[in-house]
N, C-alpha and C. Protein backbone atom coordinates (compact mmCIF):
# COMPACT_ATOMS: atom_id res chain seq x y z
N UNK A 1 -52.67 139.53 57.94
CA UNK A 1 -51.62 138.56 58.15
C UNK A 1 -51.85 137.26 57.39
N UNK A 2 -53.01 136.63 57.42
CA UNK A 2 -53.18 135.37 56.72
C UNK A 2 -52.93 135.49 55.20
N UNK A 3 -53.23 136.65 54.61
CA UNK A 3 -53.00 136.80 53.17
C UNK A 3 -51.51 136.72 52.83
N UNK A 4 -50.68 137.30 53.65
CA UNK A 4 -49.23 137.29 53.40
C UNK A 4 -48.69 135.86 53.49
N UNK A 5 -49.13 135.13 54.49
CA UNK A 5 -48.66 133.76 54.66
C UNK A 5 -49.12 132.88 53.50
N UNK A 6 -50.33 133.10 53.00
CA UNK A 6 -50.84 132.28 51.90
C UNK A 6 -50.05 132.54 50.61
N UNK A 7 -49.71 133.79 50.33
CA UNK A 7 -48.96 134.07 49.10
C UNK A 7 -47.53 133.55 49.19
N UNK A 8 -46.94 133.62 50.37
CA UNK A 8 -45.59 133.12 50.53
C UNK A 8 -45.54 131.60 50.34
N UNK A 9 -46.50 130.90 50.88
CA UNK A 9 -46.57 129.45 50.72
C UNK A 9 -46.79 129.04 49.28
N UNK A 10 -47.60 129.78 48.55
CA UNK A 10 -47.86 129.47 47.15
C UNK A 10 -46.62 129.69 46.30
N UNK A 11 -45.83 130.69 46.64
CA UNK A 11 -44.63 130.99 45.87
C UNK A 11 -43.57 129.91 46.05
N UNK A 12 -43.43 129.36 47.25
CA UNK A 12 -42.42 128.35 47.48
C UNK A 12 -42.81 127.01 46.89
N UNK A 13 -44.08 126.69 46.83
CA UNK A 13 -44.51 125.43 46.23
C UNK A 13 -44.33 125.44 44.72
N UNK A 14 -44.58 126.54 44.08
CA UNK A 14 -44.51 126.62 42.63
C UNK A 14 -43.09 126.58 42.09
N UNK A 15 -42.15 127.11 42.82
CA UNK A 15 -40.77 127.17 42.34
C UNK A 15 -40.02 125.90 42.73
N UNK A 16 -39.51 125.19 41.72
CA UNK A 16 -38.72 124.00 41.98
C UNK A 16 -37.27 124.43 42.23
N UNK A 17 -36.68 123.91 43.30
CA UNK A 17 -35.31 124.30 43.61
C UNK A 17 -34.36 123.49 42.74
N UNK A 18 -33.48 124.18 42.06
CA UNK A 18 -32.46 123.54 41.24
C UNK A 18 -31.11 123.86 41.83
N UNK A 19 -30.29 122.87 41.95
CA UNK A 19 -28.92 123.04 42.43
C UNK A 19 -27.99 122.69 41.29
N UNK A 20 -27.03 123.56 41.02
CA UNK A 20 -26.06 123.31 39.96
C UNK A 20 -24.67 123.51 40.53
N UNK A 21 -23.89 122.45 40.53
CA UNK A 21 -22.53 122.50 41.06
C UNK A 21 -21.56 122.12 39.96
N UNK A 22 -20.40 122.79 39.96
CA UNK A 22 -19.38 122.55 38.94
C UNK A 22 -18.09 122.14 39.64
N UNK A 23 -17.48 121.06 39.15
CA UNK A 23 -16.19 120.62 39.64
C UNK A 23 -15.19 120.81 38.50
N UNK A 24 -14.23 121.69 38.72
CA UNK A 24 -13.23 122.02 37.70
C UNK A 24 -11.96 121.21 37.97
N UNK A 25 -11.61 120.32 37.06
CA UNK A 25 -10.42 119.50 37.23
C UNK A 25 -9.42 119.76 36.11
N UNK A 26 -9.36 120.98 35.60
CA UNK A 26 -8.53 121.31 34.45
C UNK A 26 -7.02 121.17 34.74
N UNK A 27 -6.57 121.56 35.92
CA UNK A 27 -5.13 121.51 36.22
C UNK A 27 -4.60 120.08 36.30
N UNK A 28 -5.22 119.16 37.05
CA UNK A 28 -4.73 117.79 37.05
C UNK A 28 -4.91 117.09 35.69
N UNK A 29 -5.96 117.44 34.96
CA UNK A 29 -6.18 116.82 33.65
C UNK A 29 -5.12 117.28 32.65
N UNK A 30 -4.68 118.52 32.77
CA UNK A 30 -3.64 119.04 31.87
C UNK A 30 -2.32 118.30 32.07
N UNK A 31 -2.05 117.87 33.30
CA UNK A 31 -0.83 117.11 33.57
C UNK A 31 -0.99 115.62 33.27
N UNK A 32 -2.21 115.19 32.98
CA UNK A 32 -2.45 113.80 32.60
C UNK A 32 -2.58 112.84 33.76
N UNK A 33 -2.76 113.34 34.98
CA UNK A 33 -2.88 112.44 36.14
C UNK A 33 -4.34 112.18 36.52
N UNK A 34 -5.28 112.89 35.90
CA UNK A 34 -6.69 112.79 36.28
C UNK A 34 -7.53 112.46 35.05
N UNK A 35 -8.38 111.44 35.16
CA UNK A 35 -9.23 111.02 34.05
C UNK A 35 -10.67 111.46 34.33
N UNK A 36 -11.17 112.38 33.53
CA UNK A 36 -12.52 112.92 33.72
C UNK A 36 -13.61 111.90 33.48
N UNK A 37 -13.41 110.99 32.52
CA UNK A 37 -14.43 109.98 32.22
C UNK A 37 -14.63 109.03 33.40
N UNK A 38 -13.52 108.62 34.02
CA UNK A 38 -13.62 107.75 35.19
C UNK A 38 -14.30 108.47 36.35
N UNK A 39 -13.99 109.73 36.52
CA UNK A 39 -14.59 110.52 37.60
C UNK A 39 -16.10 110.68 37.38
N UNK A 40 -16.49 110.92 36.14
CA UNK A 40 -17.92 111.04 35.82
C UNK A 40 -18.65 109.74 36.12
N UNK A 41 -18.06 108.61 35.73
CA UNK A 41 -18.67 107.30 35.99
C UNK A 41 -18.75 107.04 37.50
N UNK A 42 -17.68 107.40 38.22
CA UNK A 42 -17.65 107.24 39.68
C UNK A 42 -18.79 108.02 40.33
N UNK A 43 -18.96 109.28 39.93
CA UNK A 43 -20.04 110.09 40.50
C UNK A 43 -21.40 109.50 40.16
N UNK A 44 -21.56 109.06 38.92
CA UNK A 44 -22.84 108.51 38.49
C UNK A 44 -23.19 107.25 39.29
N UNK A 45 -22.17 106.44 39.58
CA UNK A 45 -22.41 105.19 40.31
C UNK A 45 -22.58 105.40 41.81
N UNK A 46 -21.97 106.45 42.38
CA UNK A 46 -21.93 106.60 43.83
C UNK A 46 -22.91 107.61 44.41
N UNK A 47 -23.42 108.55 43.61
CA UNK A 47 -24.35 109.53 44.17
C UNK A 47 -25.63 108.83 44.60
N UNK A 48 -26.03 109.09 45.83
CA UNK A 48 -27.24 108.47 46.37
C UNK A 48 -28.42 109.41 46.23
N UNK A 49 -29.53 108.88 45.72
CA UNK A 49 -30.79 109.61 45.65
C UNK A 49 -31.82 108.75 46.37
N UNK A 50 -32.42 109.31 47.40
CA UNK A 50 -33.39 108.60 48.23
C UNK A 50 -32.81 107.30 48.79
N UNK A 51 -31.54 107.33 49.19
CA UNK A 51 -30.91 106.19 49.84
C UNK A 51 -30.41 105.12 48.91
N UNK A 52 -30.51 105.31 47.58
CA UNK A 52 -30.06 104.29 46.64
C UNK A 52 -28.97 104.87 45.74
N UNK A 53 -27.84 104.19 45.70
CA UNK A 53 -26.72 104.66 44.88
C UNK A 53 -26.90 104.21 43.43
N UNK A 54 -26.53 105.08 42.51
CA UNK A 54 -26.55 104.74 41.09
C UNK A 54 -27.88 104.90 40.40
N UNK A 55 -28.93 105.25 41.11
CA UNK A 55 -30.25 105.40 40.50
C UNK A 55 -30.63 106.88 40.51
N UNK A 56 -30.00 107.63 39.60
CA UNK A 56 -30.19 109.07 39.60
C UNK A 56 -31.52 109.48 39.00
N UNK A 57 -31.98 108.77 37.98
CA UNK A 57 -33.24 109.11 37.33
C UNK A 57 -33.18 110.50 36.72
N UNK A 58 -34.28 111.22 36.80
CA UNK A 58 -34.35 112.58 36.27
C UNK A 58 -34.00 113.63 37.33
N UNK A 59 -33.80 113.18 38.57
CA UNK A 59 -33.55 114.11 39.67
C UNK A 59 -32.15 114.71 39.66
N UNK A 60 -31.16 113.91 39.32
CA UNK A 60 -29.76 114.35 39.33
C UNK A 60 -29.13 114.02 37.99
N UNK A 61 -28.43 114.99 37.42
CA UNK A 61 -27.74 114.78 36.15
C UNK A 61 -26.26 115.10 36.34
N UNK A 62 -25.40 114.20 35.84
CA UNK A 62 -23.96 114.39 35.88
C UNK A 62 -23.49 114.50 34.44
N UNK A 63 -22.93 115.67 34.07
CA UNK A 63 -22.52 115.94 32.70
C UNK A 63 -21.08 116.41 32.68
N UNK A 64 -20.28 115.81 31.79
CA UNK A 64 -18.88 116.23 31.64
C UNK A 64 -18.81 117.26 30.52
N UNK A 65 -18.23 118.43 30.82
CA UNK A 65 -18.09 119.50 29.85
C UNK A 65 -16.66 119.50 29.32
N UNK A 66 -16.46 118.89 28.17
CA UNK A 66 -15.11 118.81 27.61
C UNK A 66 -14.21 117.98 28.49
N UNK A 67 -12.96 118.43 28.64
CA UNK A 67 -12.01 117.69 29.47
C UNK A 67 -11.56 118.53 30.67
N UNK A 68 -12.45 119.44 31.12
CA UNK A 68 -12.04 120.30 32.23
C UNK A 68 -13.05 120.39 33.36
N UNK A 69 -14.32 120.12 33.11
CA UNK A 69 -15.35 120.34 34.13
C UNK A 69 -16.39 119.23 34.14
N UNK A 70 -16.96 119.03 35.32
CA UNK A 70 -18.14 118.17 35.47
C UNK A 70 -19.20 119.01 36.15
N UNK A 71 -20.41 118.98 35.59
CA UNK A 71 -21.53 119.73 36.13
C UNK A 71 -22.54 118.75 36.71
N UNK A 72 -22.92 118.97 37.96
CA UNK A 72 -23.93 118.15 38.62
C UNK A 72 -25.15 119.03 38.86
N UNK A 73 -26.27 118.68 38.23
CA UNK A 73 -27.51 119.44 38.37
C UNK A 73 -28.52 118.57 39.08
N UNK A 74 -29.17 119.13 40.10
CA UNK A 74 -30.11 118.37 40.91
C UNK A 74 -31.41 119.14 41.09
N UNK A 75 -32.52 118.43 41.01
CA UNK A 75 -33.82 119.05 41.27
C UNK A 75 -34.34 118.68 42.66
N UNK A 76 -33.59 117.84 43.37
CA UNK A 76 -33.93 117.48 44.75
C UNK A 76 -32.88 118.12 45.66
N UNK A 77 -33.15 118.23 46.95
CA UNK A 77 -32.14 118.81 47.85
C UNK A 77 -30.82 118.04 47.75
N UNK A 78 -29.75 118.80 47.54
CA UNK A 78 -28.45 118.18 47.28
C UNK A 78 -27.37 119.04 47.92
N UNK A 79 -26.41 118.42 48.56
CA UNK A 79 -25.39 119.13 49.31
C UNK A 79 -24.10 119.27 48.50
N UNK A 80 -23.55 120.45 48.52
CA UNK A 80 -22.25 120.68 47.88
C UNK A 80 -21.18 119.90 48.62
N UNK A 81 -21.32 119.80 49.91
CA UNK A 81 -20.37 119.07 50.75
C UNK A 81 -20.33 117.59 50.37
N UNK A 82 -21.46 117.02 49.95
CA UNK A 82 -21.52 115.62 49.53
C UNK A 82 -20.65 115.42 48.28
N UNK A 83 -20.65 116.39 47.38
CA UNK A 83 -19.80 116.30 46.19
C UNK A 83 -18.32 116.34 46.57
N UNK A 84 -17.98 117.16 47.55
CA UNK A 84 -16.60 117.22 48.00
C UNK A 84 -16.19 115.89 48.61
N UNK A 85 -17.08 115.31 49.39
CA UNK A 85 -16.82 114.00 50.00
C UNK A 85 -16.56 112.94 48.93
N UNK A 86 -17.41 112.90 47.90
CA UNK A 86 -17.25 111.91 46.83
C UNK A 86 -15.98 112.16 46.02
N UNK A 87 -15.65 113.43 45.81
CA UNK A 87 -14.44 113.76 45.06
C UNK A 87 -13.20 113.30 45.82
N UNK A 88 -13.18 113.54 47.13
CA UNK A 88 -12.05 113.11 47.95
C UNK A 88 -11.96 111.58 47.98
N UNK A 89 -13.09 110.92 47.98
CA UNK A 89 -13.12 109.47 47.97
C UNK A 89 -12.53 108.93 46.66
N UNK A 90 -12.87 109.58 45.54
CA UNK A 90 -12.32 109.19 44.24
C UNK A 90 -10.81 109.40 44.21
N UNK A 91 -10.34 110.53 44.74
CA UNK A 91 -8.90 110.80 44.76
C UNK A 91 -8.16 109.77 45.60
N UNK A 92 -8.73 109.39 46.73
CA UNK A 92 -8.11 108.40 47.61
C UNK A 92 -8.05 107.04 46.92
N UNK A 93 -9.12 106.69 46.22
CA UNK A 93 -9.20 105.41 45.52
C UNK A 93 -8.12 105.31 44.44
N UNK A 94 -7.81 106.44 43.79
CA UNK A 94 -6.82 106.46 42.72
C UNK A 94 -5.43 106.91 43.20
N UNK A 95 -5.22 106.94 44.50
CA UNK A 95 -3.95 107.32 45.12
C UNK A 95 -3.48 108.70 44.69
N UNK A 96 -4.42 109.63 44.55
CA UNK A 96 -4.08 111.01 44.18
C UNK A 96 -4.30 111.98 45.33
N UNK A 97 -4.81 111.50 46.43
CA UNK A 97 -5.19 112.34 47.55
C UNK A 97 -3.98 113.06 48.16
N UNK A 98 -2.79 112.48 48.03
CA UNK A 98 -1.59 113.09 48.60
C UNK A 98 -1.10 114.30 47.81
N UNK A 99 -1.54 114.42 46.53
CA UNK A 99 -1.03 115.49 45.67
C UNK A 99 -2.10 116.49 45.25
N UNK A 100 -3.36 116.09 45.29
CA UNK A 100 -4.44 116.96 44.81
C UNK A 100 -5.40 117.25 45.96
N UNK A 101 -5.84 118.51 46.03
CA UNK A 101 -6.83 118.88 47.04
C UNK A 101 -8.06 119.48 46.37
N UNK A 102 -9.17 119.50 47.11
CA UNK A 102 -10.43 120.03 46.60
C UNK A 102 -10.68 121.36 47.31
N UNK A 103 -10.81 122.44 46.50
CA UNK A 103 -10.94 123.79 47.03
C UNK A 103 -12.22 124.42 46.48
N UNK A 104 -12.98 125.07 47.34
CA UNK A 104 -14.17 125.79 46.89
C UNK A 104 -13.72 127.12 46.30
N UNK A 105 -13.92 127.29 44.99
CA UNK A 105 -13.48 128.52 44.34
C UNK A 105 -14.58 129.58 44.33
N UNK A 106 -15.84 129.16 44.44
CA UNK A 106 -16.95 130.09 44.60
C UNK A 106 -18.11 129.34 45.25
N UNK A 107 -19.27 129.97 45.30
CA UNK A 107 -20.40 129.39 46.02
C UNK A 107 -20.81 128.02 45.47
N UNK A 108 -20.81 127.87 44.16
CA UNK A 108 -21.27 126.61 43.56
C UNK A 108 -20.17 125.88 42.80
N UNK A 109 -18.92 126.23 43.03
CA UNK A 109 -17.81 125.62 42.29
C UNK A 109 -16.78 125.01 43.22
N UNK A 110 -16.25 123.86 42.79
CA UNK A 110 -15.08 123.26 43.41
C UNK A 110 -13.99 123.21 42.36
N UNK A 111 -12.76 123.28 42.80
CA UNK A 111 -11.63 123.22 41.90
C UNK A 111 -10.62 122.23 42.47
N UNK A 112 -10.07 121.38 41.61
CA UNK A 112 -9.03 120.46 42.04
C UNK A 112 -7.68 121.12 41.78
N UNK A 113 -6.88 121.23 42.81
CA UNK A 113 -5.57 121.88 42.69
C UNK A 113 -4.50 120.98 43.28
N UNK A 114 -3.29 121.17 42.79
CA UNK A 114 -2.15 120.48 43.37
C UNK A 114 -1.75 121.20 44.65
N UNK A 115 -1.25 120.44 45.62
CA UNK A 115 -0.71 121.06 46.83
C UNK A 115 0.50 121.89 46.43
N UNK A 116 0.68 123.02 47.09
CA UNK A 116 1.81 123.89 46.79
C UNK A 116 3.02 123.40 47.57
N UNK A 117 3.86 122.61 46.92
CA UNK A 117 5.04 122.07 47.59
C UNK A 117 6.31 122.79 47.16
N UNK A 118 6.19 123.77 46.28
CA UNK A 118 7.37 124.52 45.84
C UNK A 118 7.95 125.33 47.00
N UNK A 119 7.11 125.91 47.84
CA UNK A 119 7.58 126.70 48.98
C UNK A 119 8.32 125.86 50.00
N UNK A 120 7.92 124.63 50.19
CA UNK A 120 8.57 123.75 51.16
C UNK A 120 9.97 123.38 50.69
N UNK A 121 10.16 123.20 49.39
CA UNK A 121 11.48 122.87 48.86
C UNK A 121 12.47 124.00 49.02
N UNK A 122 12.04 125.24 48.91
CA UNK A 122 12.91 126.39 49.04
C UNK A 122 13.45 126.52 50.46
N UNK A 123 12.62 126.23 51.44
CA UNK A 123 13.05 126.34 52.84
C UNK A 123 14.15 125.33 53.15
N UNK A 124 14.06 124.13 52.59
CA UNK A 124 15.05 123.10 52.85
C UNK A 124 16.40 123.47 52.23
N UNK A 125 16.39 124.13 51.08
CA UNK A 125 17.63 124.49 50.40
C UNK A 125 18.39 125.56 51.17
N UNK A 126 17.69 126.42 51.90
CA UNK A 126 18.33 127.51 52.62
C UNK A 126 19.16 127.02 53.80
N UNK A 127 18.82 125.87 54.36
CA UNK A 127 19.56 125.36 55.54
C UNK A 127 20.91 124.91 55.20
């Protein structure tokens, strides 16, 4: 028994946990209502590492991939939910929260989508 516990502990210490999250904002950017550069700066200024905002150091990297995605890579424990919180905060600040929502498209991806209001308009016309 002690041998198994020792090997398991050695394996977890040696492997550094990396978290990679992608936020896809291609749909709002295509319509021209969302600015990726401002969002990247907002994330860089607001992400907290060890209780301090804006001091990412080598632990967290925020990279914009073209005009459609932002990739956040972290070598320290980092929550996907925290990214959703910051994204919603950015949308609220820019008065876009009423039209754009944040949806988890896969395990490590978020996607910004417009609310589907086309269905609501059809119901009103039928009356």
